[in-house]
Amino acid sequence: MSAITTHVLDLKSGLPARAVAVRLEIHRERGWTALGDRVTDDDGRVRDFIAPGTRVDPGLYRLTFRTGEYFRAQGAAAFHPEVAVTFEIADASRHHHVPLLISPFGYTTYRGS
């Protein structure tokens, strides 16, 4: 399993959000650097941003979810065209799971397990 994973749940349908484009970035001295672009699977998850066994550095990371594209594909309008979740990794030896719960007009996130 990757050291950084995510799970997107659609609160409107009550189902995992399939096919949500997600970008992982790290903040370096010169700004944000992309580490990977993925799309959520049928269970609404991205499990492979970083190859298993790859070292993750402490620092600031950002996941950007293309929620507007997702809701348009569902035939719904969306207030937030994207959701950017910035988080800090202090202990790089731990797994970091960042769930996102979305609806057309709001979202929430938390530190998962």
Protein backbone atom coordinates (compact mmCIF):
# COMPACT_ATOMS: atom_id res chain seq x y z
CA MET A 1 0.00 0.00 0.00
CA SER A 2 1.17 3.51 -0.78
CA ALA A 3 2.29 5.76 2.08
CA ILE A 4 -0.39 8.28 0.99
CA THR A 5 -3.89 7.16 -0.01
CA THR A 6 -7.32 8.73 -0.40
CA HIS A 7 -10.98 7.70 -0.55
CA VAL A 8 -13.76 9.84 -2.01
CA LEU A 9 -17.39 9.32 -0.99
CA ASP A 10 -20.32 10.98 -2.75
CA LEU A 11 -22.79 12.10 -0.07
CA LYS A 12 -25.45 12.85 -2.69
CA SER A 13 -25.62 9.25 -3.88
CA GLY A 14 -24.26 7.55 -0.76
CA LEU A 15 -21.73 5.69 -2.93
CA PRO A 16 -17.99 5.79 -3.56
CA ALA A 17 -17.08 8.51 -6.06
CA ARG A 18 -15.67 6.68 -9.11
CA ALA A 19 -13.44 8.34 -11.70
CA VAL A 20 -12.51 11.47 -9.72
CA ALA A 21 -9.21 12.90 -11.00
CA VAL A 22 -6.78 13.53 -8.12
CA ARG A 23 -3.31 15.10 -8.12
CA LEU A 24 -0.73 14.66 -5.34
CA GLU A 25 1.90 17.38 -4.88
CA ILE A 26 4.67 18.20 -2.43
CA HIS A 27 5.78 21.71 -1.53
CA ARG A 28 9.44 22.35 -2.27
CA GLU A 29 11.52 25.55 -2.08
CA ARG A 30 10.32 26.67 -5.52
CA GLY A 31 6.65 25.84 -5.00
CA TRP A 32 4.43 22.82 -5.60
CA THR A 33 5.81 19.78 -7.45
CA ALA A 34 3.48 17.09 -8.83
CA LEU A 35 4.13 13.56 -7.56
CA GLY A 36 1.29 11.83 -9.37
CA ASP A 37 -2.04 12.09 -11.12
CA ARG A 38 -4.56 9.33 -10.55
CA VAL A 39 -8.27 8.60 -10.91
CA THR A 40 -10.33 7.00 -8.15
CA ASP A 41 -11.21 3.34 -8.71
CA ASP A 42 -14.66 1.71 -8.50
CA ASP A 43 -14.46 1.90 -4.69
CA GLY A 44 -13.61 5.64 -4.83
CA ARG A 45 -10.01 5.02 -3.78
CA VAL A 46 -6.50 5.87 -4.90
CA ARG A 47 -4.09 3.37 -3.37
CA ASP A 48 -0.98 3.90 -5.48
CA PHE A 49 0.22 7.51 -5.47
CA ILE A 50 3.61 6.35 -4.27
CA ALA A 51 5.07 2.91 -4.96
CA PRO A 52 5.21 0.63 -1.90
CA GLY A 53 8.56 0.92 -0.18
CA THR A 54 9.27 4.38 -1.60
CA ARG A 55 10.47 6.84 1.02
CA VAL A 56 8.10 9.73 1.79
CA ASP A 57 9.73 12.91 3.03
CA PRO A 58 8.28 14.97 5.88
CA GLY A 59 6.71 18.17 4.61
CA LEU A 60 3.64 19.82 3.13
CA TYR A 61 1.55 17.84 0.65
CA ARG A 62 -1.56 18.71 -1.32
CA LEU A 63 -4.25 16.55 -2.87
CA THR A 64 -6.37 18.32 -5.50
CA PHE A 65 -9.66 16.66 -6.42
CA ARG A 66 -11.45 17.61 -9.68
CA THR A 67 -14.92 17.55 -8.11
CA GLY A 68 -16.57 19.78 -10.73
CA GLU A 69 -15.71 17.35 -13.52
CA TYR A 70 -17.04 14.47 -11.41
CA PHE A 71 -20.40 16.10 -10.71
CA ARG A 72 -20.82 17.32 -14.31
CA ALA A 73 -20.36 13.71 -15.44
CA GLN A 74 -23.18 12.82 -13.00
CA GLY A 75 -25.43 15.48 -14.55
CA ALA A 76 -25.20 17.77 -11.54
CA ALA A 77 -23.90 21.28 -11.01
CA ALA A 78 -21.09 21.76 -8.49
CA PHE A 79 -20.23 24.83 -6.45
CA HIS A 80 -16.61 23.74 -5.96
CA PRO A 81 -14.87 22.94 -9.27
CA GLU A 82 -11.99 21.46 -7.30
CA VAL A 83 -11.07 20.72 -3.71
CA ALA A 84 -7.48 21.19 -2.56
CA VAL A 85 -6.53 19.51 0.72
CA THR A 86 -3.17 20.55 2.12
CA PHE A 87 -1.71 18.45 4.92
CA GLU A 88 1.58 18.06 6.72
CA ILE A 89 3.51 14.84 7.16
CA ALA A 90 5.69 14.97 10.25
CA ASP A 91 6.28 11.23 10.72
CA ALA A 92 7.11 9.85 7.28
CA SER A 93 7.17 6.27 8.59
CA ARG A 94 3.37 6.29 9.09
CA HIS A 95 0.63 5.69 6.53
CA HIS A 96 -1.37 8.83 5.67
CA HIS A 97 -4.96 8.37 4.51
CA VAL A 98 -6.94 11.47 3.49
CA PRO A 99 -10.66 10.77 2.93
CA LEU A 100 -12.89 13.30 1.19
CA LEU A 101 -16.67 13.40 1.49
CA ILE A 102 -18.30 15.44 -1.28
CA SER A 103 -21.66 16.82 -2.30
CA PRO A 104 -22.46 19.28 -5.08
CA PHE A 105 -22.32 22.20 -2.64
CA GLY A 106 -19.89 21.18 0.09
CA TYR A 107 -17.16 18.85 1.28
CA THR A 108 -15.33 17.67 4.38
CA THR A 109 -12.10 15.84 5.04
CA TYR A 110 -10.19 14.37 7.97
CA ARG A 111 -7.13 12.29 8.87
CA GLY A 112 -8.12 8.70 8.19
CA SER A 113 -6.52 5.43 9.15
